Protein backbone atom coordinates (compact mmCIF):
# COMPACT_ATOMS: atom_id res chain seq x y z
CA UNK A 1 0.00 0.00 0.00
CA UNK A 2 1.38 3.42 -0.85
CA UNK A 3 1.01 6.49 1.33
CA UNK A 4 -1.78 8.03 -0.82
CA UNK A 5 -3.85 4.85 -0.42
CA UNK A 6 -3.36 5.01 3.35
CA UNK A 7 -4.56 8.63 3.56
CA UNK A 8 -7.50 7.94 1.24
CA UNK A 9 -8.43 4.96 3.40
CA UNK A 10 -8.56 7.33 6.36
CA UNK A 11 -10.87 9.72 4.51
CA UNK A 12 -13.14 6.80 3.54
CA UNK A 13 -13.41 5.82 7.21
CA UNK A 14 -15.20 9.09 7.89
CA UNK A 15 -18.14 7.81 5.85
CA UNK A 16 -17.98 4.42 7.57
CA UNK A 17 -18.61 6.24 10.85
CA UNK A 18 -21.10 8.93 9.84
CA UNK A 19 -23.38 7.09 7.40
CA UNK A 20 -24.74 4.68 10.05
CA UNK A 21 -25.05 7.53 12.54
CA UNK A 22 -27.36 9.45 10.19
CA UNK A 23 -29.51 6.46 9.23
CA UNK A 24 -33.15 6.75 10.17
CA UNK A 25 -32.93 10.29 11.51
CA UNK A 26 -35.61 12.86 10.89
CA UNK A 27 -34.38 16.29 9.73
CA UNK A 28 -35.14 17.78 13.15
CA UNK A 29 -32.95 15.11 14.78
CA UNK A 30 -29.99 16.02 12.57
CA UNK A 31 -30.18 19.61 13.84
CA UNK A 32 -31.02 18.79 17.45
CA UNK A 33 -28.49 20.01 19.99
CA UNK A 34 -27.81 17.32 22.61
CA UNK A 35 -27.51 20.18 25.14
CA UNK A 36 -27.48 23.94 24.81
CA UNK A 37 -24.08 25.15 23.61
CA UNK A 38 -23.33 21.80 21.95
CA UNK A 39 -23.03 21.09 18.24
CA UNK A 40 -25.68 19.24 16.27
CA UNK A 41 -24.80 16.28 14.06
CA UNK A 42 -25.65 18.30 10.95
CA UNK A 43 -23.49 21.26 11.93
CA UNK A 44 -20.55 18.96 12.76
CA UNK A 45 -20.85 17.16 9.41
CA UNK A 46 -21.02 20.47 7.54
CA UNK A 47 -18.05 21.85 9.52
CA UNK A 48 -15.81 18.81 9.02
CA UNK A 49 -16.52 18.86 5.29
CA UNK A 50 -16.04 22.61 4.99
CA UNK A 51 -12.68 22.28 6.75
CA UNK A 52 -11.56 19.49 4.43
CA UNK A 53 -12.80 21.27 1.30
CA UNK A 54 -11.25 24.63 2.23
CA UNK A 55 -7.88 23.23 3.27
CA UNK A 56 -7.44 20.81 0.36
CA UNK A 57 -8.44 23.57 -2.08
CA UNK A 58 -5.89 25.87 -0.46
CA UNK A 59 -3.13 23.28 -0.73
CA UNK A 60 -4.02 22.43 -4.34
CA UNK A 61 -4.55 26.03 -5.45
CA UNK A 62 -8.11 25.17 -6.51
CA UNK A 63 -11.39 26.91 -5.93
CA UNK A 64 -13.32 25.35 -3.09
CA UNK A 65 -16.09 22.97 -4.10
CA UNK A 66 -18.30 25.02 -1.77
CA UNK A 67 -18.10 27.85 -4.33
CA UNK A 68 -17.26 26.07 -7.61
CA UNK A 69 -20.04 23.48 -7.35
CA UNK A 70 -22.42 25.82 -5.50
CA UNK A 71 -22.73 23.64 -2.41
CA UNK A 72 -23.49 26.86 -0.50
CA UNK A 73 -26.82 27.03 -2.36
CA UNK A 74 -27.64 23.40 -1.49
CA UNK A 75 -27.08 24.33 2.17
CA UNK A 76 -29.03 27.62 1.84
CA UNK A 77 -25.99 29.55 3.05
CA UNK A 78 -24.08 32.55 1.80
CA UNK A 79 -21.48 32.24 -0.94
CA UNK A 80 -18.65 32.72 1.56
CA UNK A 81 -15.45 30.72 1.18
CA UNK A 82 -14.39 31.70 4.71
CA UNK A 83 -17.51 30.28 6.38
CA UNK A 84 -16.26 26.91 7.65
CA UNK A 85 -17.76 26.97 11.13
CA UNK A 86 -14.48 27.94 12.72
CA UNK A 87 -15.25 30.39 15.55
CA UNK A 88 -19.02 30.01 15.17
CA UNK A 89 -20.88 31.13 18.26
CA UNK A 90 -23.37 28.93 20.10
CA UNK A 91 -26.12 31.03 18.54
CA UNK A 92 -24.80 30.42 15.03
CA UNK A 93 -24.56 26.69 15.66
CA UNK A 94 -28.10 26.58 17.09
CA UNK A 95 -29.43 28.51 14.07
CA UNK A 96 -27.79 26.15 11.56
CA UNK A 97 -30.32 24.24 9.47
CA UNK A 98 -29.06 21.16 7.69
CA UNK A 99 -30.02 20.20 4.18
CA UNK A 100 -31.29 16.64 3.67
CA UNK A 101 -28.97 13.89 4.90
CA UNK A 102 -28.07 12.96 1.31
CA UNK A 103 -26.76 16.48 0.63
CA UNK A 104 -24.63 16.41 3.80
CA UNK A 105 -23.08 13.10 2.80
CA UNK A 106 -22.75 13.93 -0.91
CA UNK A 107 -20.80 17.09 -0.11
CA UNK A 108 -18.40 15.03 2.00
CA UNK A 109 -18.05 12.44 -0.79
CA UNK A 110 -17.25 15.20 -3.30
CA UNK A 111 -14.71 16.72 -0.93
CA UNK A 112 -13.07 13.33 -0.28
CA UNK A 113 -12.82 12.76 -4.05
CA UNK A 114 -11.16 16.16 -4.46
CA UNK A 115 -8.67 15.20 -1.73
CA UNK A 116 -8.00 11.94 -3.55
CA UNK A 117 -7.28 13.83 -6.81
CA UNK A 118 -4.95 16.19 -4.98
CA UNK A 119 -3.07 13.37 -3.26
CA UNK A 120 -2.68 11.48 -6.55
CA UNK A 121 -0.65 14.39 -7.92
CA UNK A 122 1.78 14.57 -5.01
CA UNK A 123 5.19 12.99 -4.90
CA UNK A 124 6.76 11.89 -1.60
CA UNK A 125 9.13 14.88 -1.66
CA UNK A 126 6.13 17.24 -1.82
CA UNK A 127 5.15 16.18 1.70
CA UNK A 128 8.24 17.93 3.08
CA UNK A 129 7.46 21.28 1.44
CA UNK A 130 7.00 23.87 4.15
CA UNK A 131 3.86 26.01 3.86
CA UNK A 132 4.04 29.79 4.03
CA UNK A 133 1.94 30.26 7.16
CA UNK A 134 3.27 32.90 9.52
CA UNK A 135 0.87 31.97 12.33
CA UNK A 136 2.83 28.73 12.97
CA UNK A 137 6.43 28.60 14.11
CA UNK A 138 7.78 26.69 12.34
CA UNK A 139 5.24 26.55 9.56
CA UNK A 140 3.85 23.06 8.87
CA UNK A 141 4.72 20.97 5.86
CA UNK A 142 2.22 19.73 3.31
CA UNK A 143 2.42 16.28 4.92
CA UNK A 144 1.67 17.66 8.37
CA UNK A 145 -1.29 19.63 6.99
CA UNK A 146 -2.72 16.53 5.28
CA UNK A 147 -2.53 14.54 8.53
CA UNK A 148 -4.11 17.46 10.39
CA UNK A 149 -7.04 17.53 7.93
CA UNK A 150 -7.52 13.78 8.24
CA UNK A 151 -7.32 13.90 12.04
CA UNK A 152 -9.93 16.69 12.19
CA UNK A 153 -12.29 14.75 9.91
CA UNK A 154 -11.98 11.55 11.94
CA UNK A 155 -12.34 13.40 15.25
CA UNK A 156 -15.52 15.10 14.07
CA UNK A 157 -16.87 11.83 12.66
CA UNK A 158 -16.46 10.34 16.13
CA UNK A 159 -18.31 13.32 17.60
CA UNK A 160 -21.21 12.68 15.23
CA UNK A 161 -21.39 9.05 16.31
CA UNK A 162 -21.24 10.10 19.96
CA UNK A 163 -24.02 12.68 19.56
CA UNK A 164 -26.14 10.04 17.82
CA UNK A 165 -25.73 7.86 20.90
CA UNK A 166 -26.74 10.76 23.16
CA UNK A 167 -29.85 11.34 21.07
CA UNK A 168 -30.74 7.66 21.17
CA UNK A 169 -30.11 5.14 18.49
CA UNK A 170 -27.17 3.37 17.08
CA UNK A 171 -23.87 4.93 16.31
CA UNK A 172 -20.94 3.37 14.51
CA UNK A 173 -19.82 1.14 17.35
CA UNK A 174 -23.28 -0.38 18.02
C-alpha atoms as a PDB file:
ATOM      1  CA  UNK A   1       0.000   0.000   0.000  1.00  0.00           C
ATOM      2  CA  UNK A   2       1.377   3.415  -0.854  1.00  0.00           C
ATOM      3  CA  UNK A   3       1.005   6.494   1.329  1.00  0.00           C
ATOM      4  CA  UNK A   4      -1.783   8.027  -0.819  1.00  0.00           C
ATOM      5  CA  UNK A   5      -3.853   4.850  -0.422  1.00  0.00           C
ATOM      6  CA  UNK A   6      -3.362   5.014   3.349  1.00  0.00           C
ATOM      7  CA  UNK A   7      -4.561   8.627   3.558  1.00  0.00           C
ATOM      8  CA  UNK A   8      -7.498   7.939   1.235  1.00  0.00           C
ATOM      9  CA  UNK A   9      -8.431   4.956   3.397  1.00  0.00           C
ATOM     10  CA  UNK A  10      -8.558   7.326   6.359  1.00  0.00           C
ATOM     11  CA  UNK A  11     -10.867   9.723   4.512  1.00  0.00           C
ATOM     12  CA  UNK A  12     -13.144   6.805   3.536  1.00  0.00           C
ATOM     13  CA  UNK A  13     -13.407   5.821   7.205  1.00  0.00           C
ATOM     14  CA  UNK A  14     -15.199   9.093   7.893  1.00  0.00           C
ATOM     15  CA  UNK A  15     -18.144   7.805   5.853  1.00  0.00           C
ATOM     16  CA  UNK A  16     -17.976   4.423   7.572  1.00  0.00           C
ATOM     17  CA  UNK A  17     -18.607   6.240  10.849  1.00  0.00           C
ATOM     18  CA  UNK A  18     -21.102   8.928   9.837  1.00  0.00           C
ATOM     19  CA  UNK A  19     -23.383   7.095   7.404  1.00  0.00           C
ATOM     20  CA  UNK A  20     -24.740   4.681  10.045  1.00  0.00           C
ATOM     21  CA  UNK A  21     -25.048   7.532  12.540  1.00  0.00           C
ATOM     22  CA  UNK A  22     -27.360   9.448  10.191  1.00  0.00           C
ATOM     23  CA  UNK A  23     -29.510   6.464   9.229  1.00  0.00           C
ATOM     24  CA  UNK A  24     -33.155   6.750  10.170  1.00  0.00           C
ATOM     25  CA  UNK A  25     -32.930  10.286  11.515  1.00  0.00           C
ATOM     26  CA  UNK A  26     -35.614  12.864  10.887  1.00  0.00           C
ATOM     27  CA  UNK A  27     -34.382  16.285   9.729  1.00  0.00           C
ATOM     28  CA  UNK A  28     -35.135  17.779  13.146  1.00  0.00           C
ATOM     29  CA  UNK A  29     -32.954  15.112  14.782  1.00  0.00           C
ATOM     30  CA  UNK A  30     -29.994  16.020  12.574  1.00  0.00           C
ATOM     31  CA  UNK A  31     -30.177  19.607  13.841  1.00  0.00           C
ATOM     32  CA  UNK A  32     -31.020  18.793  17.454  1.00  0.00           C
ATOM     33  CA  UNK A  33     -28.490  20.005  19.994  1.00  0.00           C
ATOM     34  CA  UNK A  34     -27.806  17.323  22.610  1.00  0.00           C
ATOM     35  CA  UNK A  35     -27.512  20.175  25.140  1.00  0.00           C
ATOM     36  CA  UNK A  36     -27.485  23.941  24.811  1.00  0.00           C
ATOM     37  CA  UNK A  37     -24.083  25.155  23.610  1.00  0.00           C
ATOM     38  CA  UNK A  38     -23.325  21.799  21.950  1.00  0.00           C
ATOM     39  CA  UNK A  39     -23.030  21.090  18.239  1.00  0.00           C
ATOM     40  CA  UNK A  40     -25.676  19.242  16.266  1.00  0.00           C
ATOM     41  CA  UNK A  41     -24.804  16.283  14.060  1.00  0.00           C
ATOM     42  CA  UNK A  42     -25.651  18.303  10.948  1.00  0.00           C
ATOM     43  CA  UNK A  43     -23.486  21.256  11.933  1.00  0.00           C
ATOM     44  CA  UNK A  44     -20.552  18.964  12.764  1.00  0.00           C
ATOM     45  CA  UNK A  45     -20.851  17.165   9.406  1.00  0.00           C
ATOM     46  CA  UNK A  46     -21.021  20.474   7.542  1.00  0.00           C
ATOM     47  CA  UNK A  47     -18.055  21.852   9.515  1.00  0.00           C
ATOM     48  CA  UNK A  48     -15.814  18.811   9.019  1.00  0.00           C
ATOM     49  CA  UNK A  49     -16.517  18.864   5.285  1.00  0.00           C
ATOM     50  CA  UNK A  50     -16.036  22.612   4.990  1.00  0.00           C
ATOM     51  CA  UNK A  51     -12.680  22.276   6.747  1.00  0.00           C
ATOM     52  CA  UNK A  52     -11.559  19.490   4.429  1.00  0.00           C
ATOM     53  CA  UNK A  53     -12.805  21.267   1.299  1.00  0.00           C
ATOM     54  CA  UNK A  54     -11.250  24.626   2.228  1.00  0.00           C
ATOM     55  CA  UNK A  55      -7.876  23.227   3.270  1.00  0.00           C
ATOM     56  CA  UNK A  56      -7.437  20.812   0.356  1.00  0.00           C
ATOM     57  CA  UNK A  57      -8.439  23.569  -2.083  1.00  0.00           C
ATOM     58  CA  UNK A  58      -5.895  25.874  -0.461  1.00  0.00           C
ATOM     59  CA  UNK A  59      -3.127  23.275  -0.734  1.00  0.00           C
ATOM     60  CA  UNK A  60      -4.023  22.432  -4.335  1.00  0.00           C
ATOM     61  CA  UNK A  61      -4.552  26.027  -5.454  1.00  0.00           C
ATOM     62  CA  UNK A  62      -8.109  25.173  -6.506  1.00  0.00           C
ATOM     63  CA  UNK A  63     -11.386  26.914  -5.934  1.00  0.00           C
ATOM     64  CA  UNK A  64     -13.323  25.345  -3.085  1.00  0.00           C
ATOM     65  CA  UNK A  65     -16.091  22.966  -4.104  1.00  0.00           C
ATOM     66  CA  UNK A  66     -18.299  25.024  -1.773  1.00  0.00           C
ATOM     67  CA  UNK A  67     -18.101  27.852  -4.331  1.00  0.00           C
ATOM     68  CA  UNK A  68     -17.264  26.068  -7.610  1.00  0.00           C
ATOM     69  CA  UNK A  69     -20.040  23.475  -7.354  1.00  0.00           C
ATOM     70  CA  UNK A  70     -22.417  25.816  -5.501  1.00  0.00           C
ATOM     71  CA  UNK A  71     -22.734  23.639  -2.412  1.00  0.00           C
ATOM     72  CA  UNK A  72     -23.494  26.857  -0.498  1.00  0.00           C
ATOM     73  CA  UNK A  73     -26.824  27.027  -2.358  1.00  0.00           C
ATOM     74  CA  UNK A  74     -27.639  23.403  -1.488  1.00  0.00           C
ATOM     75  CA  UNK A  75     -27.080  24.331   2.170  1.00  0.00           C
ATOM     76  CA  UNK A  76     -29.033  27.618   1.842  1.00  0.00           C
ATOM     77  CA  UNK A  77     -25.991  29.547   3.051  1.00  0.00           C
ATOM     78  CA  UNK A  78     -24.084  32.555   1.803  1.00  0.00           C
ATOM     79  CA  UNK A  79     -21.484  32.236  -0.940  1.00  0.00           C
ATOM     80  CA  UNK A  80     -18.648  32.725   1.557  1.00  0.00           C
ATOM     81  CA  UNK A  81     -15.449  30.719   1.183  1.00  0.00           C
ATOM     82  CA  UNK A  82     -14.393  31.702   4.715  1.00  0.00           C
ATOM     83  CA  UNK A  83     -17.505  30.276   6.381  1.00  0.00           C
ATOM     84  CA  UNK A  84     -16.265  26.911   7.645  1.00  0.00           C
ATOM     85  CA  UNK A  85     -17.760  26.966  11.130  1.00  0.00           C
ATOM     86  CA  UNK A  86     -14.475  27.939  12.724  1.00  0.00           C
ATOM     87  CA  UNK A  87     -15.252  30.395  15.546  1.00  0.00           C
ATOM     88  CA  UNK A  88     -19.024  30.014  15.172  1.00  0.00           C
ATOM     89  CA  UNK A  89     -20.882  31.129  18.261  1.00  0.00           C
ATOM     90  CA  UNK A  90     -23.373  28.930  20.095  1.00  0.00           C
ATOM     91  CA  UNK A  91     -26.118  31.029  18.539  1.00  0.00           C
ATOM     92  CA  UNK A  92     -24.802  30.423  15.026  1.00  0.00           C
ATOM     93  CA  UNK A  93     -24.560  26.686  15.664  1.00  0.00           C
ATOM     94  CA  UNK A  94     -28.101  26.580  17.085  1.00  0.00           C
ATOM     95  CA  UNK A  95     -29.435  28.514  14.075  1.00  0.00           C
ATOM     96  CA  UNK A  96     -27.787  26.145  11.559  1.00  0.00           C
ATOM     97  CA  UNK A  97     -30.322  24.235   9.468  1.00  0.00           C
ATOM     98  CA  UNK A  98     -29.056  21.159   7.686  1.00  0.00           C
ATOM     99  CA  UNK A  99     -30.022  20.196   4.183  1.00  0.00           C
ATOM    100  CA  UNK A 100     -31.286  16.636   3.667  1.00  0.00           C
ATOM    101  CA  UNK A 101     -28.971  13.894   4.898  1.00  0.00           C
ATOM    102  CA  UNK A 102     -28.066  12.961   1.308  1.00  0.00           C
ATOM    103  CA  UNK A 103     -26.756  16.477   0.628  1.00  0.00           C
ATOM    104  CA  UNK A 104     -24.627  16.413   3.795  1.00  0.00           C
ATOM    105  CA  UNK A 105     -23.082  13.097   2.799  1.00  0.00           C
ATOM    106  CA  UNK A 106     -22.752  13.931  -0.908  1.00  0.00           C
ATOM    107  CA  UNK A 107     -20.801  17.091  -0.105  1.00  0.00           C
ATOM    108  CA  UNK A 108     -18.397  15.034   2.003  1.00  0.00           C
ATOM    109  CA  UNK A 109     -18.052  12.444  -0.793  1.00  0.00           C
ATOM    110  CA  UNK A 110     -17.247  15.197  -3.304  1.00  0.00           C
ATOM    111  CA  UNK A 111     -14.708  16.719  -0.932  1.00  0.00           C
ATOM    112  CA  UNK A 112     -13.071  13.334  -0.282  1.00  0.00           C
ATOM    113  CA  UNK A 113     -12.825  12.757  -4.047  1.00  0.00           C
ATOM    114  CA  UNK A 114     -11.155  16.160  -4.456  1.00  0.00           C
ATOM    115  CA  UNK A 115      -8.671  15.202  -1.735  1.00  0.00           C
ATOM    116  CA  UNK A 116      -7.996  11.941  -3.553  1.00  0.00           C
ATOM    117  CA  UNK A 117      -7.279  13.825  -6.812  1.00  0.00           C
ATOM    118  CA  UNK A 118      -4.954  16.194  -4.982  1.00  0.00           C
ATOM    119  CA  UNK A 119      -3.067  13.371  -3.257  1.00  0.00           C
ATOM    120  CA  UNK A 120      -2.676  11.478  -6.549  1.00  0.00           C
ATOM    121  CA  UNK A 121      -0.651  14.388  -7.922  1.00  0.00           C
ATOM    122  CA  UNK A 122       1.779  14.573  -5.015  1.00  0.00           C
ATOM    123  CA  UNK A 123       5.195  12.994  -4.899  1.00  0.00           C
ATOM    124  CA  UNK A 124       6.758  11.886  -1.596  1.00  0.00           C
ATOM    125  CA  UNK A 125       9.134  14.881  -1.657  1.00  0.00           C
ATOM    126  CA  UNK A 126       6.129  17.244  -1.818  1.00  0.00           C
ATOM    127  CA  UNK A 127       5.147  16.175   1.698  1.00  0.00           C
ATOM    128  CA  UNK A 128       8.239  17.933   3.075  1.00  0.00           C
ATOM    129  CA  UNK A 129       7.456  21.279   1.441  1.00  0.00           C
ATOM    130  CA  UNK A 130       6.995  23.870   4.146  1.00  0.00           C
ATOM    131  CA  UNK A 131       3.861  26.011   3.862  1.00  0.00           C
ATOM    132  CA  UNK A 132       4.036  29.787   4.033  1.00  0.00           C
ATOM    133  CA  UNK A 133       1.940  30.259   7.161  1.00  0.00           C
ATOM    134  CA  UNK A 134       3.270  32.901   9.517  1.00  0.00           C
ATOM    135  CA  UNK A 135       0.869  31.968  12.330  1.00  0.00           C
ATOM    136  CA  UNK A 136       2.826  28.735  12.973  1.00  0.00           C
ATOM    137  CA  UNK A 137       6.430  28.601  14.110  1.00  0.00           C
ATOM    138  CA  UNK A 138       7.784  26.690  12.343  1.00  0.00           C
ATOM    139  CA  UNK A 139       5.237  26.554   9.556  1.00  0.00           C
ATOM    140  CA  UNK A 140       3.849  23.061   8.873  1.00  0.00           C
ATOM    141  CA  UNK A 141       4.721  20.968   5.864  1.00  0.00           C
ATOM    142  CA  UNK A 142       2.216  19.728   3.314  1.00  0.00           C
ATOM    143  CA  UNK A 143       2.422  16.282   4.917  1.00  0.00           C
ATOM    144  CA  UNK A 144       1.673  17.659   8.373  1.00  0.00           C
ATOM    145  CA  UNK A 145      -1.289  19.631   6.988  1.00  0.00           C
ATOM    146  CA  UNK A 146      -2.724  16.534   5.279  1.00  0.00           C
ATOM    147  CA  UNK A 147      -2.529  14.542   8.527  1.00  0.00           C
ATOM    148  CA  UNK A 148      -4.114  17.457  10.386  1.00  0.00           C
ATOM    149  CA  UNK A 149      -7.037  17.528   7.926  1.00  0.00           C
ATOM    150  CA  UNK A 150      -7.521  13.779   8.245  1.00  0.00           C
ATOM    151  CA  UNK A 151      -7.320  13.903  12.043  1.00  0.00           C
ATOM    152  CA  UNK A 152      -9.932  16.689  12.186  1.00  0.00           C
ATOM    153  CA  UNK A 153     -12.294  14.747   9.915  1.00  0.00           C
ATOM    154  CA  UNK A 154     -11.979  11.549  11.942  1.00  0.00           C
ATOM    155  CA  UNK A 155     -12.336  13.401  15.252  1.00  0.00           C
ATOM    156  CA  UNK A 156     -15.521  15.099  14.066  1.00  0.00           C
ATOM    157  CA  UNK A 157     -16.874  11.828  12.665  1.00  0.00           C
ATOM    158  CA  UNK A 158     -16.461  10.341  16.130  1.00  0.00           C
ATOM    159  CA  UNK A 159     -18.306  13.322  17.604  1.00  0.00           C
ATOM    160  CA  UNK A 160     -21.206  12.681  15.227  1.00  0.00           C
ATOM    161  CA  UNK A 161     -21.387   9.053  16.308  1.00  0.00           C
ATOM    162  CA  UNK A 162     -21.241  10.097  19.958  1.00  0.00           C
ATOM    163  CA  UNK A 163     -24.017  12.684  19.555  1.00  0.00           C
ATOM    164  CA  UNK A 164     -26.141  10.042  17.819  1.00  0.00           C
ATOM    165  CA  UNK A 165     -25.725   7.862  20.898  1.00  0.00           C
ATOM    166  CA  UNK A 166     -26.737  10.756  23.160  1.00  0.00           C
ATOM    167  CA  UNK A 167     -29.850  11.336  21.073  1.00  0.00           C
ATOM    168  CA  UNK A 168     -30.738   7.659  21.174  1.00  0.00           C
ATOM    169  CA  UNK A 169     -30.109   5.141  18.493  1.00  0.00           C
ATOM    170  CA  UNK A 170     -27.170   3.369  17.075  1.00  0.00           C
ATOM    171  CA  UNK A 171     -23.867   4.931  16.307  1.00  0.00           C
ATOM    172  CA  UNK A 172     -20.938   3.370  14.509  1.00  0.00           C
ATOM    173  CA  UNK A 173     -19.824   1.138  17.348  1.00  0.00           C
ATOM    174  CA  UNK A 174     -23.281  -0.382  18.018  1.00  0.00           C
END
